Protein backbone atom coordinates (compact mmCIF):
# COMPACT_ATOMS: atom_id res chain seq x y z
CA UNK A 1 -76.86 9.89 16.36
CA UNK A 2 -74.20 11.93 14.45
CA UNK A 3 -70.64 11.86 15.67
CA UNK A 4 -69.69 14.91 17.75
CA UNK A 5 -67.67 17.66 15.95
CA UNK A 6 -64.18 18.61 17.26
CA UNK A 7 -61.75 21.18 16.00
CA UNK A 8 -58.06 20.31 16.54
CA UNK A 9 -55.37 22.79 15.99
CA UNK A 10 -51.65 21.78 15.75
CA UNK A 11 -48.82 24.50 15.66
CA UNK A 12 -45.27 24.03 14.66
CA UNK A 13 -42.61 26.43 13.46
CA UNK A 14 -43.92 28.43 10.54
CA UNK A 15 -47.15 26.44 10.23
CA UNK A 16 -50.55 25.91 11.73
CA UNK A 17 -52.67 22.84 10.77
CA UNK A 18 -56.38 22.68 11.62
CA UNK A 19 -58.64 19.71 11.46
CA UNK A 20 -62.46 19.52 11.68
CA UNK A 21 -63.51 15.95 12.79
CA UNK A 22 -66.69 14.17 13.15
CA UNK A 23 -65.68 11.48 15.70
CA UNK A 24 -62.54 10.21 14.04
CA UNK A 25 -63.62 11.16 10.53
CA UNK A 26 -61.64 14.13 8.91
CA UNK A 27 -64.15 16.52 7.32
CA UNK A 28 -61.95 19.66 6.68
CA UNK A 29 -58.14 20.10 6.66
CA UNK A 30 -56.40 23.53 6.61
CA UNK A 31 -52.71 24.26 6.38
CA UNK A 32 -51.80 27.86 7.10
CA UNK A 33 -48.36 29.69 7.16
CA UNK A 34 -48.99 32.65 9.43
CA UNK A 35 -45.84 34.40 8.03
CA UNK A 36 -47.51 34.30 4.60
CA UNK A 37 -51.33 34.19 5.15
CA UNK A 38 -53.68 33.92 2.11
CA UNK A 39 -55.34 37.24 3.10
CA UNK A 40 -59.01 36.24 3.06
CA UNK A 41 -60.98 38.53 5.32
CA UNK A 42 -58.10 41.05 5.69
CA UNK A 43 -59.24 44.66 6.05
CA UNK A 44 -57.43 47.27 3.88
CA UNK A 45 -57.24 50.85 3.13
CA UNK A 46 -56.58 50.89 -0.53
CA UNK A 47 -56.55 53.46 -3.44
CA UNK A 48 -58.41 52.98 -6.70
CA UNK A 49 -55.66 52.75 -9.40
CA UNK A 50 -57.71 52.25 -12.52
CA UNK A 51 -61.25 51.79 -13.61
CA UNK A 52 -61.87 48.73 -15.75
CA UNK A 53 -65.51 49.11 -17.23
CA UNK A 54 -64.81 46.22 -19.72
CA UNK A 55 -64.21 43.98 -16.69
CA UNK A 56 -67.02 45.54 -14.59
CA UNK A 57 -64.70 46.55 -11.83
CA UNK A 58 -61.68 48.52 -10.71
CA UNK A 59 -58.12 47.84 -9.85
CA UNK A 60 -57.05 48.86 -6.39
CA UNK A 61 -53.50 49.33 -5.01
CA UNK A 62 -52.95 47.69 -1.68
CA UNK A 63 -50.19 47.82 0.86
CA UNK A 64 -46.80 46.76 -0.58
CA UNK A 65 -47.93 47.55 -4.13
CA UNK A 66 -50.15 44.51 -4.47
CA UNK A 67 -53.06 45.03 -6.85
CA UNK A 68 -56.62 43.83 -5.99
CA UNK A 69 -59.75 43.71 -8.01
CA UNK A 70 -63.00 45.44 -6.91
CA UNK A 71 -65.96 44.06 -8.95
CA UNK A 72 -68.72 46.47 -9.87
CA UNK A 73 -71.16 44.50 -7.79
CA UNK A 74 -69.00 45.00 -4.64
CA UNK A 75 -68.23 48.69 -5.20
CA UNK A 76 -71.30 50.26 -3.84
CA UNK A 77 -74.32 49.26 -1.77
CA UNK A 78 -76.65 50.21 -4.79
CA UNK A 79 -74.48 48.29 -7.36
CA UNK A 80 -73.96 51.39 -9.57
CA UNK A 81 -71.85 51.21 -12.75
CA UNK A 82 -68.11 51.16 -11.73
CA UNK A 83 -67.55 54.68 -13.19
CA UNK A 84 -70.29 56.13 -10.89
CA UNK A 85 -69.33 54.00 -7.82
CA UNK A 86 -65.73 54.99 -7.57
CA UNK A 87 -63.05 57.13 -9.23
CA UNK A 88 -59.35 56.87 -9.77
CA UNK A 89 -57.29 58.00 -6.77
CA UNK A 90 -60.20 57.42 -4.35
CA UNK A 91 -59.22 55.87 -0.97
CA UNK A 92 -61.46 53.14 0.17
CA UNK A 93 -61.81 50.65 3.21
CA UNK A 94 -62.02 47.20 1.68
CA UNK A 95 -62.16 43.61 2.79
CA UNK A 96 -60.67 40.62 0.87
CA UNK A 97 -63.41 38.21 -0.27
CA UNK A 98 -61.23 35.79 -2.44
CA UNK A 99 -57.59 35.08 -2.04
CA UNK A 100 -55.07 35.82 -4.72
CA UNK A 101 -55.00 33.09 -7.35
CA UNK A 102 -53.14 32.29 -10.65
CA UNK A 103 -51.19 35.44 -10.78
CA UNK A 104 -54.34 37.48 -10.09
CA UNK A 105 -54.60 39.62 -7.01
CA UNK A 106 -57.24 39.30 -4.25
CA UNK A 107 -60.94 40.11 -4.87
CA UNK A 108 -62.28 42.93 -2.72
CA UNK A 109 -65.55 44.45 -1.37
CA UNK A 110 -66.53 47.77 0.18
CA UNK A 111 -69.22 45.86 2.15
CA UNK A 112 -67.55 45.61 5.61
CA UNK A 113 -70.51 44.33 7.73
CA UNK A 114 -70.22 45.32 11.37
CA UNK A 115 -66.49 46.14 11.22
CA UNK A 116 -65.22 48.96 13.22
CA UNK A 117 -61.63 50.15 13.06
CA UNK A 118 -59.60 53.09 14.49
CA UNK A 119 -58.68 55.64 12.02
CA UNK A 120 -55.08 55.40 10.67
CA UNK A 121 -53.42 58.71 9.72
CA UNK A 122 -52.70 59.39 6.14
CA UNK A 123 -54.21 58.08 2.94
CA UNK A 124 -51.52 55.56 1.83
CA UNK A 125 -52.62 51.90 1.32
CA UNK A 126 -52.23 50.07 4.68
CA UNK A 127 -53.29 46.60 6.11
CA UNK A 128 -55.65 47.43 8.95
CA UNK A 129 -56.50 43.92 10.23
CA UNK A 130 -55.89 40.36 9.43
CA UNK A 131 -58.75 38.06 8.67
CA UNK A 132 -59.67 35.02 10.91
CA UNK A 133 -57.56 31.94 10.86
CA UNK A 134 -59.10 28.51 9.92
CA UNK A 135 -59.63 27.70 13.69
CA UNK A 136 -61.63 30.90 14.19
CA UNK A 137 -63.74 30.39 11.07
CA UNK A 138 -64.61 26.83 12.03
CA UNK A 139 -65.35 27.87 15.62
CA UNK A 140 -67.80 30.51 14.37
CA UNK A 141 -69.44 28.05 11.87
CA UNK A 142 -69.66 25.21 14.42
CA UNK A 143 -70.33 27.00 17.82
CA UNK A 144 -70.83 23.63 19.66
CA UNK A 145 -67.59 22.09 18.61
CA UNK A 146 -64.78 22.17 21.27
CA UNK A 147 -61.45 23.58 19.98
CA UNK A 148 -58.31 21.69 21.11
CA UNK A 149 -54.98 23.74 20.59
CA UNK A 150 -51.48 22.41 21.40
CA UNK A 151 -49.62 25.73 21.57
CA UNK A 152 -50.13 28.39 24.28
CA UNK A 153 -48.90 31.26 22.21
CA UNK A 154 -51.24 30.36 19.40
CA UNK A 155 -54.17 29.90 21.71
CA UNK A 156 -53.49 33.41 23.14
CA UNK A 157 -53.67 34.84 19.56
CA UNK A 158 -56.82 33.09 18.48
CA UNK A 159 -60.22 34.71 19.29
CA UNK A 160 -61.85 31.56 20.69
CA UNK A 161 -62.94 32.33 24.13
CA UNK A 162 -63.50 29.74 26.94
CA UNK A 163 -64.51 26.97 24.59
CA UNK A 164 -60.81 26.44 23.55
CA UNK A 165 -58.57 24.12 25.58
CA UNK A 166 -54.81 24.03 25.73
CA UNK A 167 -53.48 20.41 25.27
CA UNK A 168 -50.41 19.10 26.96
CA UNK A 169 -49.81 16.68 24.11
CA UNK A 170 -49.84 17.10 20.30
CA UNK A 171 -53.25 17.94 18.87
CA UNK A 172 -52.70 15.44 16.08
CA UNK A 173 -52.33 11.68 16.80
CA UNK A 174 -50.43 9.42 14.43
CA UNK A 175 -53.71 8.60 12.39
CA UNK A 176 -54.46 12.26 11.79
CA UNK A 177 -50.83 13.04 10.97
CA UNK A 178 -51.01 10.28 8.33
CA UNK A 179 -54.26 11.65 6.93
CA UNK A 180 -52.80 15.09 6.54
CA UNK A 181 -49.63 13.56 4.89
CA UNK A 182 -51.85 11.66 2.42
CA UNK A 183 -53.62 14.89 1.30
CA UNK A 184 -50.42 15.91 -0.31
CA UNK A 185 -50.40 12.76 -2.47
CA UNK A 186 -52.12 12.18 -5.82
CA UNK A 187 -53.48 8.77 -4.94
CA UNK A 188 -56.28 7.98 -2.56
CA UNK A 189 -56.90 4.30 -1.61
CA UNK A 190 -60.49 3.29 -1.68
CA UNK A 191 -62.02 0.92 0.82
CA UNK A 192 -62.44 -2.46 -0.57
CA UNK A 193 -59.77 -2.00 -3.24
CA UNK A 194 -59.16 0.44 -6.08
CA UNK A 195 -57.99 3.96 -5.88
CA UNK A 196 -59.02 7.62 -6.67
CA UNK A 197 -56.52 9.72 -8.54
CA UNK A 198 -56.58 13.52 -7.99
CA UNK A 199 -55.01 15.36 -10.89
CA UNK A 200 -55.09 19.19 -10.85
CA UNK A 201 -54.29 21.12 -13.90
CA UNK A 202 -54.35 24.90 -14.73
CA UNK A 203 -57.70 24.45 -16.44
CA UNK A 204 -59.47 21.90 -14.24
CA UNK A 205 -59.25 19.14 -11.75
CA UNK A 206 -59.68 15.54 -12.98
CA UNK A 207 -60.72 12.85 -10.53
CA UNK A 208 -60.11 9.36 -12.06
CA UNK A 209 -61.20 6.04 -10.63
CA UNK A 210 -58.94 3.00 -11.07
CA UNK A 211 -60.57 -0.26 -10.05
CA UNK A 212 -57.31 -2.07 -9.62
CA UNK A 213 -59.09 -5.32 -10.40
CA UNK A 214 -61.80 -4.83 -7.55
CA UNK A 215 -65.47 -5.21 -8.35
CA UNK A 216 -66.68 -2.24 -10.33
CA UNK A 217 -69.98 -1.32 -8.68
CA UNK A 218 -68.47 -1.38 -5.21
CA UNK A 219 -65.40 0.59 -6.29
CA UNK A 220 -67.53 3.28 -7.98
CA UNK A 221 -69.91 3.55 -5.11
CA UNK A 222 -67.01 4.07 -2.72
CA UNK A 223 -65.31 6.49 -5.17
CA UNK A 224 -68.43 8.68 -5.32
CA UNK A 225 -68.40 9.17 -1.53
CA UNK A 226 -64.57 9.51 -1.42
CA UNK A 227 -64.54 12.05 -4.32
CA UNK A 228 -66.90 14.36 -2.48
CA UNK A 229 -64.85 14.05 0.67
CA UNK A 230 -61.57 14.81 -1.03
CA UNK A 231 -62.98 17.76 -2.91
CA UNK A 232 -63.86 19.37 0.42
CA UNK A 233 -60.73 18.30 2.23
CA UNK A 234 -58.40 19.47 -0.51
CA UNK A 235 -60.35 22.66 -1.01
CA UNK A 236 -60.42 21.89 -4.89
CA UNK A 237 -61.86 24.65 -6.95
CA UNK A 238 -62.99 25.56 -10.45
CA UNK A 239 -64.19 22.94 -13.02
CA UNK A 240 -63.91 19.32 -11.58
CA UNK A 241 -64.54 16.17 -13.61
CA UNK A 242 -64.99 12.74 -12.04
CA UNK A 243 -64.43 9.69 -14.34
CA UNK A 244 -65.77 6.47 -12.86
CA UNK A 245 -64.29 3.09 -13.65
CA UNK A 246 -65.58 1.17 -16.53
CA UNK A 247 -69.32 1.56 -16.32
CA UNK A 248 -71.52 2.53 -19.40
CA UNK A 249 -73.25 5.94 -19.23
CA UNK A 250 -76.69 4.56 -18.10
CA UNK A 251 -75.24 2.78 -15.09
CA UNK A 252 -73.04 5.70 -14.29
CA UNK A 253 -76.23 7.99 -14.27
CA UNK A 254 -77.58 5.83 -11.43
CA UNK A 255 -74.75 7.21 -9.23
CA UNK A 256 -75.73 10.91 -9.70
CA UNK A 257 -78.11 10.92 -6.84
CA UNK A 258 -75.48 9.34 -4.36
CA UNK A 259 -72.86 11.82 -5.53
CA UNK A 260 -75.38 14.71 -5.13
CA UNK A 261 -76.05 13.55 -1.57
CA UNK A 262 -72.31 13.20 -0.75
CA UNK A 263 -71.74 16.81 -1.92
CA UNK A 264 -74.45 18.24 0.27
CA UNK A 265 -72.28 19.24 3.18
CA UNK A 266 -70.13 21.29 0.83
CA UNK A 267 -71.86 24.60 0.11
CA UNK A 268 -69.18 25.79 -2.38
CA UNK A 269 -69.74 22.99 -4.90
CA UNK A 270 -72.41 22.57 -7.55
CA UNK A 271 -73.02 19.30 -9.47
CA UNK A 272 -73.87 20.03 -12.97
CA UNK A 273 -74.64 16.47 -14.00
CA UNK A 274 -73.30 13.64 -16.19
CA UNK A 275 -71.75 15.12 -19.39
CA UNK A 276 -71.69 13.73 -22.88
CA UNK A 277 -68.39 11.95 -22.30
CA UNK A 278 -69.78 10.09 -19.29
CA UNK A 279 -67.99 12.34 -16.75
CA UNK A 280 -69.54 13.93 -13.78
CA UNK A 281 -69.08 17.67 -14.01
CA UNK A 282 -68.92 19.83 -11.04
CA UNK A 283 -68.10 23.50 -10.42
CA UNK A 284 -66.66 24.68 -7.06
CA UNK A 285 -66.23 28.22 -5.90
CA UNK A 286 -62.75 29.33 -5.18
CA UNK A 287 -62.32 31.28 -2.01
CA UNK A 288 -59.03 30.03 -0.41
CA UNK A 289 -56.09 28.49 -2.39
CA UNK A 290 -56.51 24.74 -3.02
CA UNK A 291 -54.34 22.57 -0.72
CA UNK A 292 -52.22 21.30 -3.65
CA UNK A 293 -51.18 25.00 -4.26
CA UNK A 294 -50.43 25.63 -0.57
CA UNK A 295 -48.33 22.42 -0.39
CA UNK A 296 -46.49 22.87 -3.66
CA UNK A 297 -42.84 23.67 -3.69
CA UNK A 298 -39.81 23.13 -1.37
CA UNK A 299 -41.24 24.97 1.68
CA UNK A 300 -43.62 22.14 2.61
CA UNK A 301 -40.73 19.53 3.16
CA UNK A 302 -38.86 22.21 4.99
CA UNK A 303 -41.66 22.86 7.38
CA UNK A 304 -42.19 19.17 7.90
CA UNK A 305 -38.57 18.97 8.93
CA UNK A 306 -39.08 21.73 11.48
CA UNK A 307 -42.00 19.95 12.79
CA UNK A 308 -39.78 16.84 13.27
CA UNK A 309 -37.05 18.67 14.90
CA UNK A 310 -39.45 20.36 17.31
CA UNK A 311 -40.79 16.87 18.29
CA UNK A 312 -37.35 15.35 18.66
CA UNK A 313 -35.93 18.25 20.60
CA UNK A 314 -38.84 17.92 23.10
CA UNK A 315 -37.75 14.33 23.73
CA UNK A 316 -33.96 15.27 23.89
CA UNK A 317 -33.81 18.78 25.39
CA UNK A 318 -30.51 20.68 25.36
CA UNK A 319 -28.96 19.06 22.25
CA UNK A 320 -27.85 21.18 19.23
CA UNK A 321 -29.73 20.15 16.07
CA UNK A 322 -28.57 20.24 12.45
CA UNK A 323 -30.91 20.12 9.49
CA UNK A 324 -29.32 18.84 6.27
CA UNK A 325 -31.46 19.73 3.27
CA UNK A 326 -31.37 20.84 -0.43
CA UNK A 327 -30.47 24.53 -0.93
CA UNK A 328 -33.98 25.27 -2.29
CA UNK A 329 -35.55 23.87 0.91
CA UNK A 330 -33.33 26.00 3.13
CA UNK A 331 -33.99 29.06 1.01
CA UNK A 332 -37.73 28.59 1.30
CA UNK A 333 -37.33 28.45 5.16
CA UNK A 334 -35.35 31.59 5.20
CA UNK A 335 -37.89 33.34 2.98
CA UNK A 336 -40.92 32.46 5.30
CA UNK A 337 -41.11 35.18 7.94
CA UNK A 338 -40.85 33.68 11.46
CA UNK A 339 -40.26 30.02 10.64
CA UNK A 340 -36.72 29.68 11.67
CA UNK A 341 -37.13 32.14 14.60
CA UNK A 342 -39.97 29.96 15.91
CA UNK A 343 -37.80 26.87 15.52
CA UNK A 344 -35.02 28.58 17.51
CA UNK A 345 -37.44 29.51 20.20
CA UNK A 346 -38.59 25.95 20.46
CA UNK A 347 -35.09 24.56 20.58
CA UNK A 348 -33.70 27.23 22.88
CA UNK A 349 -30.97 27.92 20.23
CA UNK A 350 -30.70 28.46 16.52
CA UNK A 351 -31.14 25.45 14.28
CA UNK A 352 -28.00 24.78 12.28
CA UNK A 353 -28.65 24.51 8.54
CA UNK A 354 -26.47 22.40 6.33
CA UNK A 355 -26.97 22.71 2.43
CA UNK A 356 -26.75 19.44 0.66
CA UNK A 357 -27.03 20.08 -3.18
CA UNK A 358 -27.57 16.45 -4.06
CA UNK A 359 -30.35 15.92 -1.59
CA UNK A 360 -33.93 15.56 -3.02
CA UNK A 361 -36.88 17.56 -1.51
CA UNK A 362 -38.42 15.39 1.13
CA UNK A 363 -35.17 13.61 2.01
CA UNK A 364 -34.03 16.09 4.63
CA UNK A 365 -32.01 14.63 7.58
CA UNK A 366 -31.84 15.74 11.17
CA UNK A 367 -29.14 14.93 13.70
CA UNK A 368 -28.15 16.18 17.11
CA UNK A 369 -24.65 17.22 18.02
């Protein structure tokens, strides 16, 4: 019998982390910053800025001057050529179908499904409604899974109904915290020895298996299963290459069926097969930003520090807390809407920020006055 699914949602200042678990096994991991959402599912009123027949689409101006792309295939129900489907200056209702990536704006569609929205006066670009958060998407996808949330304000915002439960303790235990922490690392230990290295580049993602002296067949069998799991957990996208450890091409080919089976739960990925260089080649559709992009930069250690101070303050209420961090980390916290305000609400007073130019990212320190 398969392990029961559970959705756990952990809120902290500036950040919401969501886990889909089968028993104790982590299947999906999402890290969201509500002050800076990726925009998937957002409903916009936008204006067509320019037709781009060579690209089979049109560029659309969204709120705040952001530019999105409306593919020809998504510009009309009958899939007309873009010049017949829309015209420059036309105002449209649009939904975001793919988050912005690599300097390119979000991808859009005029197909809104059953959406209804009140009219907003004027014809200027405006954001009409935010798309669902990860907890809401998972709850819709797995209607039998209970949803456990550790923050009352977040629970009130989420559209989850009676199946959601407010926890009196953190939604993530130490083991789940450690797993989320590990998802930001390049190295993934394999059961029985060896490791899987996850190496994203602008062109592709390379997954490399290092046996570390362990027995090759067992390492590679474990690596095939773990590679499929990490691709889904980290939301990797685009071209993905898996290089197993040491085996000749014919023996590698025998692992294609196990890899294909391990990838089955992930409907965004397609296994292309074993290439001429002996690498398994995969292609995965990009919808949300990959986790390594979400976690890049000084904001992640800053939010981790806010998470720690919220936990420590709960154990020592009434104290005044000071966060010492690199200027870049503090600047990132200031730039994220709501993060420091949420921390102040949790502490009952503003968090004192102390710049330390010589401090590395991830070496932040907290102390109470």
